[in-house]
Amino acid sequence: MMIPEKPRFRLPSISSRASKYGYSNARARAMRGLILKSASLDEMIRVGNVEAMAELMQRTSYKGEIASASVSYRGSQLIEMATSRNFSQLAKKLVKITPDSDKDAVSALLVRWDLMNLKTLLNARRLGKSYEEMRPYLFEVGGLDEDDFRSILKADNNSLVREIWKTKIGKKMRSGKIGNEIREAASKTGPDADTRMEAVIDTYLYLFMDKTLEQVGGKEIDAIRKTLKGEADAKNVMIIERLKRHNISTDRIRKSLIRGGTIPEQTLAKLIEAKDLSATLNILRKRFPKLEAKDGISLPELEASLDRSIASQKAHAFARSMLSVGVILGILLLKEEEVNNLRKIAKGKEFRMSESDVRATLVVV
């Protein structure tokens, strides 16, 4: 009796991948060509004010958004609103051109903007900001809409969690351990309450993105997952350093950290115990081999160096992706950096920062 041969797993052929991803990848790479080059960013840094910066942006893919937002906004809020609308439009286009089998992967990355919106709204509630003041800083990408923004912002402490659960993103978050942690954080008061809530939201973000991308699988996706874990690690490094500056206890620092990274507990302990940034750098260089930082740097310089190290990984992941969802995810990650850079330049002008100081904050890929 012949034993039937076990079926062998085969990678999709080049022709089948070309059929599936050819159009979407060509569109995504065309979008990559519209990402602002370092020379364009530098020209915006050199002009005298935000209004002149906006004039330069009208020569780019932001032309339409600058024109429409200028009716209601001025200064850095104009740049905030234009970049928000531009990013939202690009995100919608990417979701539309993504093959159905990969839409969950794109949506997983967009969750970070929904949760950033949520953190922005929670901070706005604490500071007593109005909806009109906060609208330029919010991105409508699918999980939260205009009505959600308004409902969360005006909710009192008793109804806040209920309003979050009503949203599309809230329905995903409400069950399990994360849901319980959000309820617990929302019930707290005092100096640790806001920090704890942000840690819970960021933990959900990185665990959700990693779980969703893991289900998609593939070498390129693994590279993106590694990059996102690096982001979580970098966030924890900065949380530790900032809280140490305020003489926060080790126990409170640990409760403020987010899950989803790769730094072992033993290394986190060493980072918490490190006496200065030079000691911190010695620990970090093993985790971030491309970290370009010298002894004697300031905390903002460390943060910028970590951001550039992560951005380098993002660019590398995009460059080596071919006929896959990795190309689509790559442009989304690169666009995020562009939006962040434009906002930093605008804010730098309003705060009258020197050109060199503004350049030091940018992450150019």
Protein backbone atom coordinates (compact mmCIF):
# COMPACT_ATOMS: atom_id res chain seq x y z
CA MET A 1 0.00 0.00 0.00
CA MET A 2 1.42 3.36 -1.03
CA ILE A 3 1.56 6.08 1.59
CA PRO A 4 0.31 9.35 0.12
CA GLU A 5 2.91 12.06 0.03
CA LYS A 6 2.33 14.91 2.43
CA PRO A 7 1.39 18.17 0.71
CA ARG A 8 4.29 20.59 0.57
CA PHE A 9 4.00 24.22 1.48
CA ARG A 10 4.93 26.42 -1.44
CA LEU A 11 5.46 30.13 -1.49
CA PRO A 12 3.19 31.98 -3.90
CA SER A 13 4.77 32.22 -7.35
CA ILE A 14 6.08 35.51 -8.68
CA SER A 15 3.26 35.61 -11.21
CA SER A 16 0.55 35.08 -8.58
CA ARG A 17 2.07 37.74 -6.31
CA ALA A 18 2.34 40.12 -9.25
CA SER A 19 -1.34 39.57 -9.96
CA LYS A 20 -2.29 40.14 -6.33
CA TYR A 21 0.02 43.02 -5.42
CA GLY A 22 1.13 44.56 -8.71
CA TYR A 23 -1.41 47.40 -8.79
CA SER A 24 -1.42 48.19 -5.06
CA ASN A 25 2.38 48.13 -4.83
CA ALA A 26 2.75 50.40 -7.86
CA ARG A 27 0.33 52.90 -6.29
CA ALA A 28 2.14 52.71 -2.93
CA ARG A 29 5.54 53.30 -4.52
CA ALA A 30 4.13 56.28 -6.40
CA MET A 31 3.01 57.66 -3.02
CA ARG A 32 6.54 57.04 -1.73
CA GLY A 33 7.76 59.41 -4.43
CA LEU A 34 5.64 62.19 -2.91
CA ILE A 35 7.26 61.89 0.53
CA LEU A 36 9.15 65.12 1.17
CA LYS A 37 12.91 64.93 0.74
CA SER A 38 15.32 66.29 3.32
CA ALA A 39 16.06 69.29 1.06
CA SER A 40 12.38 70.29 1.11
CA LEU A 41 12.22 69.99 4.89
CA ASP A 42 15.39 72.04 5.20
CA GLU A 43 13.90 74.79 3.03
CA MET A 44 10.90 74.91 5.36
CA ILE A 45 13.19 75.18 8.37
CA ARG A 46 15.01 78.15 6.82
CA VAL A 47 11.94 80.31 6.07
CA GLY A 48 11.04 82.90 8.67
CA ASN A 49 7.60 81.84 9.91
CA VAL A 50 4.79 79.28 9.69
CA GLU A 51 2.98 81.28 7.01
CA ALA A 52 6.01 81.05 4.71
CA MET A 53 6.26 77.35 5.50
CA ALA A 54 2.62 76.91 4.48
CA GLU A 55 3.39 78.68 1.18
CA LEU A 56 6.10 76.12 0.47
CA MET A 57 3.75 73.26 1.35
CA GLN A 58 1.33 74.49 -1.31
CA ARG A 59 3.89 73.31 -3.88
CA THR A 60 3.65 69.75 -2.53
CA SER A 61 1.01 67.04 -2.11
CA TYR A 62 -0.35 69.11 0.81
CA LYS A 63 -1.59 71.87 -1.51
CA GLY A 64 -5.29 71.04 -1.23
CA GLU A 65 -5.24 70.54 2.52
CA ILE A 66 -3.33 73.78 3.15
CA ALA A 67 -5.82 75.71 1.00
CA SER A 68 -8.91 74.30 2.75
CA ALA A 69 -7.52 74.45 6.29
CA SER A 70 -6.33 78.07 5.87
CA VAL A 71 -9.95 79.20 5.88
CA SER A 72 -10.25 78.41 9.59
CA TYR A 73 -6.74 77.96 10.97
CA ARG A 74 -3.50 79.92 11.33
CA GLY A 75 0.00 79.26 12.60
CA SER A 76 0.99 75.77 13.69
CA GLN A 77 -2.68 74.75 13.88
CA LEU A 78 -2.87 75.23 10.10
CA ILE A 79 0.00 72.76 9.65
CA GLU A 80 -1.52 70.37 12.20
CA MET A 81 -4.88 70.36 10.41
CA ALA A 82 -3.40 70.06 6.91
CA THR A 83 -1.16 67.14 7.86
CA SER A 84 -4.04 65.45 9.69
CA ARG A 85 -6.32 65.64 6.65
CA ASN A 86 -3.55 64.63 4.25
CA PHE A 87 -2.63 61.58 6.31
CA SER A 88 -6.28 60.56 6.68
CA GLN A 89 -6.78 60.74 2.91
CA LEU A 90 -3.65 58.68 2.24
CA ALA A 91 -4.72 56.09 4.82
CA LYS A 92 -8.12 55.71 3.16
CA LYS A 93 -6.48 55.29 -0.25
CA LEU A 94 -4.13 52.62 1.08
CA VAL A 95 -6.97 50.67 2.68
CA LYS A 96 -8.91 50.87 -0.58
CA ILE A 97 -6.10 49.51 -2.78
CA THR A 98 -5.00 46.81 -0.32
CA PRO A 99 -6.06 43.25 -1.26
CA ASP A 100 -8.92 42.07 0.96
CA SER A 101 -6.80 39.35 2.57
CA ASP A 102 -4.36 41.99 3.88
CA LYS A 103 -6.69 44.79 4.98
CA ASP A 104 -6.47 43.68 8.61
CA ALA A 105 -2.71 44.30 8.57
CA VAL A 106 -3.15 47.88 7.32
CA SER A 107 -5.96 48.50 9.79
CA ALA A 108 -3.72 47.22 12.60
CA LEU A 109 -1.17 49.96 11.91
CA LEU A 110 -3.87 52.61 11.69
CA VAL A 111 -5.03 51.67 15.19
CA ARG A 112 -2.04 53.62 16.53
CA TRP A 113 -3.62 56.86 15.25
CA ASP A 114 -6.99 56.00 16.79
CA LEU A 115 -5.29 55.44 20.13
CA MET A 116 -3.17 58.57 19.75
CA ASN A 117 -6.47 60.41 19.21
CA LEU A 118 -7.81 58.83 22.40
CA LYS A 119 -4.77 59.95 24.42
CA THR A 120 -5.04 63.46 22.94
CA LEU A 121 -8.71 63.64 23.95
CA LEU A 122 -8.00 62.41 27.48
CA ASN A 123 -5.27 65.04 27.90
CA ALA A 124 -7.62 67.69 26.50
CA ARG A 125 -10.28 66.74 29.07
CA ARG A 126 -7.75 67.07 31.86
CA LEU A 127 -6.62 70.51 30.62
CA GLY A 128 -10.16 71.77 29.96
CA LYS A 129 -9.56 72.30 26.23
CA SER A 130 -12.48 72.79 23.83
CA TYR A 131 -13.21 70.62 20.81
CA GLU A 132 -12.35 73.48 18.44
CA GLU A 133 -8.93 73.84 20.08
CA MET A 134 -8.16 70.14 19.78
CA ARG A 135 -9.60 69.28 16.35
CA PRO A 136 -6.39 70.05 14.37
CA TYR A 137 -4.52 67.44 16.41
CA LEU A 138 -6.95 64.57 15.66
CA PHE A 139 -6.75 62.06 12.79
CA GLU A 140 -9.89 60.43 11.43
CA VAL A 141 -8.68 57.03 10.16
CA GLY A 142 -11.55 54.67 10.93
CA GLY A 143 -11.76 53.74 14.62
CA LEU A 144 -12.95 57.12 15.91
CA ASP A 145 -15.04 59.67 14.03
CA GLU A 146 -16.10 63.28 14.63
CA ASP A 147 -19.02 62.27 16.85
CA ASP A 148 -16.73 60.06 18.92
CA PHE A 149 -14.24 62.90 19.36
CA ARG A 150 -16.96 65.18 20.70
CA SER A 151 -18.58 62.56 22.96
CA ILE A 152 -15.32 61.54 24.64
CA LEU A 153 -14.21 65.14 25.13
CA LYS A 154 -17.43 66.21 26.85
CA ALA A 155 -17.87 63.01 28.92
CA ASP A 156 -17.65 63.33 32.70
CA ASN A 157 -15.62 60.91 34.80
CA ASN A 158 -18.60 58.62 35.34
CA SER A 159 -19.46 58.26 31.64
CA LEU A 160 -15.95 58.37 30.11
CA VAL A 161 -15.35 54.63 29.84
CA ARG A 162 -18.89 54.07 28.57
CA GLU A 163 -18.32 56.59 25.77
CA ILE A 164 -15.02 54.91 24.84
CA TRP A 165 -16.69 51.49 24.67
CA LYS A 166 -19.29 52.85 22.21
CA THR A 167 -16.61 53.57 19.59
CA LYS A 168 -15.39 51.16 16.95
CA ILE A 169 -11.95 50.91 18.54
CA GLY A 170 -13.46 50.77 22.04
CA LYS A 171 -15.49 47.67 21.16
CA LYS A 172 -12.22 45.88 20.38
CA MET A 173 -10.59 47.02 23.62
CA ARG A 174 -13.36 46.44 26.16
CA SER A 175 -12.99 42.69 26.72
CA GLY A 176 -10.23 40.81 28.50
CA LYS A 177 -7.33 42.05 30.57
CA ILE A 178 -6.85 45.35 28.72
CA GLY A 179 -10.49 46.29 29.21
CA ASN A 180 -10.20 45.68 32.94
CA GLU A 181 -6.99 47.72 33.09
CA ILE A 182 -8.66 50.67 31.32
CA ARG A 183 -11.58 50.57 33.76
CA GLU A 184 -9.16 50.50 36.67
CA ALA A 185 -7.03 53.34 35.28
CA ALA A 186 -10.12 55.48 34.59
CA SER A 187 -11.23 55.08 38.21
CA LYS A 188 -7.94 56.38 39.61
CA THR A 189 -7.12 59.91 40.63
CA GLY A 190 -3.87 61.58 41.56
CA PRO A 191 -0.50 62.07 39.81
CA ASP A 192 -0.25 58.50 38.48
CA ALA A 193 -3.72 58.31 36.90
CA ASP A 194 -2.91 59.85 33.50
CA THR A 195 0.42 58.04 33.20
CA ARG A 196 -1.22 54.72 33.98
CA MET A 197 -3.99 55.24 31.42
CA GLU A 198 -1.46 56.11 28.70
CA ALA A 199 0.57 53.00 29.55
CA VAL A 200 -2.50 50.78 29.24
CA ILE A 201 -3.49 52.33 25.89
CA ASP A 202 0.04 51.99 24.49
CA THR A 203 0.24 48.39 25.71
CA TYR A 204 -2.96 47.54 23.86
CA LEU A 205 -1.62 49.27 20.75
CA TYR A 206 1.60 47.28 20.50
CA LEU A 207 0.09 43.94 21.53
CA PHE A 208 -2.79 44.36 19.05
CA MET A 209 -0.54 45.37 16.14
CA ASP A 210 1.87 42.51 16.81
CA LYS A 211 -0.87 39.89 17.12
CA THR A 212 -2.58 41.00 13.91
CA LEU A 213 0.64 41.18 11.89
CA GLU A 214 1.75 37.79 13.23
CA GLN A 215 -1.37 36.26 11.70
CA VAL A 216 -0.41 37.73 8.32
CA GLY A 217 3.13 36.30 8.57
CA GLY A 218 6.07 36.47 6.17
CA LYS A 219 9.65 37.75 6.39
CA GLU A 220 8.74 41.33 5.50
CA ILE A 221 5.98 41.39 8.11
CA ASP A 222 8.40 39.98 10.66
CA ALA A 223 10.75 42.90 9.93
CA ILE A 224 7.93 45.38 10.53
CA ARG A 225 6.95 43.58 13.75
CA LYS A 226 10.55 43.88 14.91
CA THR A 227 10.49 47.60 14.16
CA LEU A 228 7.28 48.11 16.13
CA LYS A 229 8.69 46.20 19.10
CA GLY A 230 11.66 48.55 18.89
CA GLU A 231 9.25 51.49 19.14
CA ALA A 232 7.80 50.03 22.33
CA ASP A 233 11.31 49.58 23.72
CA ALA A 234 12.21 53.19 22.87
CA LYS A 235 9.04 54.45 24.58
CA ASN A 236 9.94 52.53 27.73
CA VAL A 237 13.46 53.96 27.72
CA MET A 238 12.09 57.50 27.57
CA ILE A 239 9.45 56.78 30.23
CA ILE A 240 12.19 55.53 32.56
CA GLU A 241 14.48 58.49 31.93
CA ARG A 242 11.76 61.13 32.31
CA LEU A 243 10.39 59.66 35.51
CA LYS A 244 13.89 59.27 36.96
CA ARG A 245 14.38 63.00 36.40
CA HIS A 246 11.43 63.60 38.74
CA ASN A 247 12.73 61.16 41.37
CA ILE A 248 9.80 58.78 40.85
CA SER A 249 10.12 55.51 42.77
CA THR A 250 11.16 52.30 41.02
CA ASP A 251 7.76 50.75 41.70
CA ARG A 252 5.89 53.65 40.10
CA ILE A 253 8.25 53.62 37.11
CA ARG A 254 7.59 49.93 36.52
CA LYS A 255 3.82 50.48 36.65
CA SER A 256 4.17 53.18 33.98
CA LEU A 257 5.96 50.94 31.46
CA ILE A 258 4.16 49.46 28.46
CA ARG A 259 4.11 45.85 27.36
CA GLY A 260 4.88 44.71 23.83
CA GLY A 261 8.62 45.38 23.65
CA THR A 262 11.65 43.10 23.80
CA ILE A 263 13.83 44.56 26.58
CA PRO A 264 14.22 41.87 29.27
CA GLU A 265 13.25 42.59 32.88
CA GLN A 266 16.89 42.45 33.95
CA THR A 267 17.84 45.12 31.43
CA LEU A 268 14.89 47.32 32.42
CA ALA A 269 16.13 47.10 35.99
CA LYS A 270 19.60 48.22 34.88
CA LEU A 271 18.10 51.16 32.98
CA ILE A 272 16.14 52.23 36.05
CA GLU A 273 19.29 51.99 38.18
CA ALA A 274 21.56 53.81 35.68
CA LYS A 275 22.95 56.96 37.29
CA ASP A 276 23.29 59.08 34.14
CA LEU A 277 22.66 59.05 30.38
CA SER A 278 26.18 57.76 29.66
CA ALA A 279 25.38 54.62 31.66
CA THR A 280 22.02 54.37 29.89
CA LEU A 281 23.71 54.59 26.46
CA ASN A 282 26.06 51.73 27.32
CA ILE A 283 23.06 49.55 28.09
CA LEU A 284 21.09 50.65 25.01
CA ARG A 285 23.75 50.07 22.36
CA LYS A 286 23.20 46.31 22.49
CA ARG A 287 19.45 46.72 21.85
CA PHE A 288 19.84 49.57 19.32
CA PRO A 289 23.06 48.81 17.38
CA LYS A 290 22.42 51.71 14.94
CA LEU A 291 21.93 54.22 17.72
CA GLU A 292 23.91 57.35 16.83
CA ALA A 293 24.46 59.01 20.18
CA LYS A 294 27.53 60.25 22.00
CA ASP A 295 28.21 60.55 25.71
CA GLY A 296 27.07 63.86 27.12
CA ILE A 297 23.87 64.11 25.08
CA SER A 298 20.69 65.61 26.50
CA LEU A 299 17.43 63.74 27.03
CA PRO A 300 15.76 65.32 23.94
CA GLU A 301 18.81 64.32 21.88
CA LEU A 302 18.54 60.75 23.15
CA GLU A 303 14.88 60.64 22.15
CA ALA A 304 15.68 61.95 18.66
CA SER A 305 18.49 59.38 18.30
CA LEU A 306 16.17 56.54 19.27
CA ASP A 307 13.56 57.82 16.79
CA ARG A 308 16.14 57.92 13.99
CA SER A 309 17.28 54.39 14.79
CA ILE A 310 13.69 53.11 14.51
CA ALA A 311 13.06 55.16 11.35
CA SER A 312 16.11 53.60 9.73
CA GLN A 313 14.57 50.17 10.32
CA LYS A 314 11.28 51.34 8.80
CA ALA A 315 13.01 52.60 5.66
CA HIS A 316 14.97 49.36 5.37
CA ALA A 317 11.80 47.29 5.69
CA PHE A 318 10.15 49.33 2.91
CA ALA A 319 13.17 49.21 0.60
CA ARG A 320 13.43 45.43 0.61
CA SER A 321 9.70 44.75 0.26
CA MET A 322 8.57 43.56 -3.15
CA LEU A 323 5.15 42.39 -4.32
CA SER A 324 3.70 42.15 -0.83
CA VAL A 325 1.65 43.98 1.75
CA GLY A 326 4.98 45.10 3.22
CA VAL A 327 5.22 47.80 0.53
CA ILE A 328 1.84 49.21 1.61
CA LEU A 329 2.69 49.09 5.31
CA GLY A 330 6.05 50.67 4.59
CA ILE A 331 4.59 53.80 3.01
CA LEU A 332 2.25 54.19 5.98
CA LEU A 333 5.19 54.10 8.40
CA LEU A 334 7.21 56.57 6.30
CA LYS A 335 4.26 58.95 6.01
CA GLU A 336 3.98 59.00 9.79
CA GLU A 337 7.54 60.30 10.03
CA GLU A 338 6.84 63.01 7.45
CA VAL A 339 3.78 64.24 9.35
CA ASN A 340 5.73 64.29 12.60
CA ASN A 341 8.58 66.24 10.98
CA LEU A 342 6.28 68.90 9.54
CA ARG A 343 4.58 69.39 12.89
CA LYS A 344 7.95 69.69 14.65
CA ILE A 345 9.09 72.36 12.20
CA ALA A 346 5.89 74.38 12.67
CA LYS A 347 6.08 74.15 16.45
CA GLY A 348 9.77 75.04 16.36
CA LYS A 349 8.97 78.25 14.53
CA GLU A 350 6.28 79.23 17.01
CA PHE A 351 8.64 78.60 19.92
CA ARG A 352 11.41 80.51 18.11
CA MET A 353 13.79 77.55 18.17
CA SER A 354 17.04 77.88 16.25
CA GLU A 355 17.33 76.15 12.89
CA SER A 356 19.92 73.74 14.27
CA ASP A 357 17.71 72.82 17.23
CA VAL A 358 14.76 72.12 14.93
CA ARG A 359 16.92 69.96 12.64
CA ALA A 360 18.09 67.97 15.65
CA THR A 361 14.50 66.92 16.39
CA LEU A 362 13.70 65.66 12.87
CA VAL A 363 13.72 62.03 11.78
CA VAL A 364 14.54 61.97 8.06
CA VAL A 365 14.43 58.61 6.25
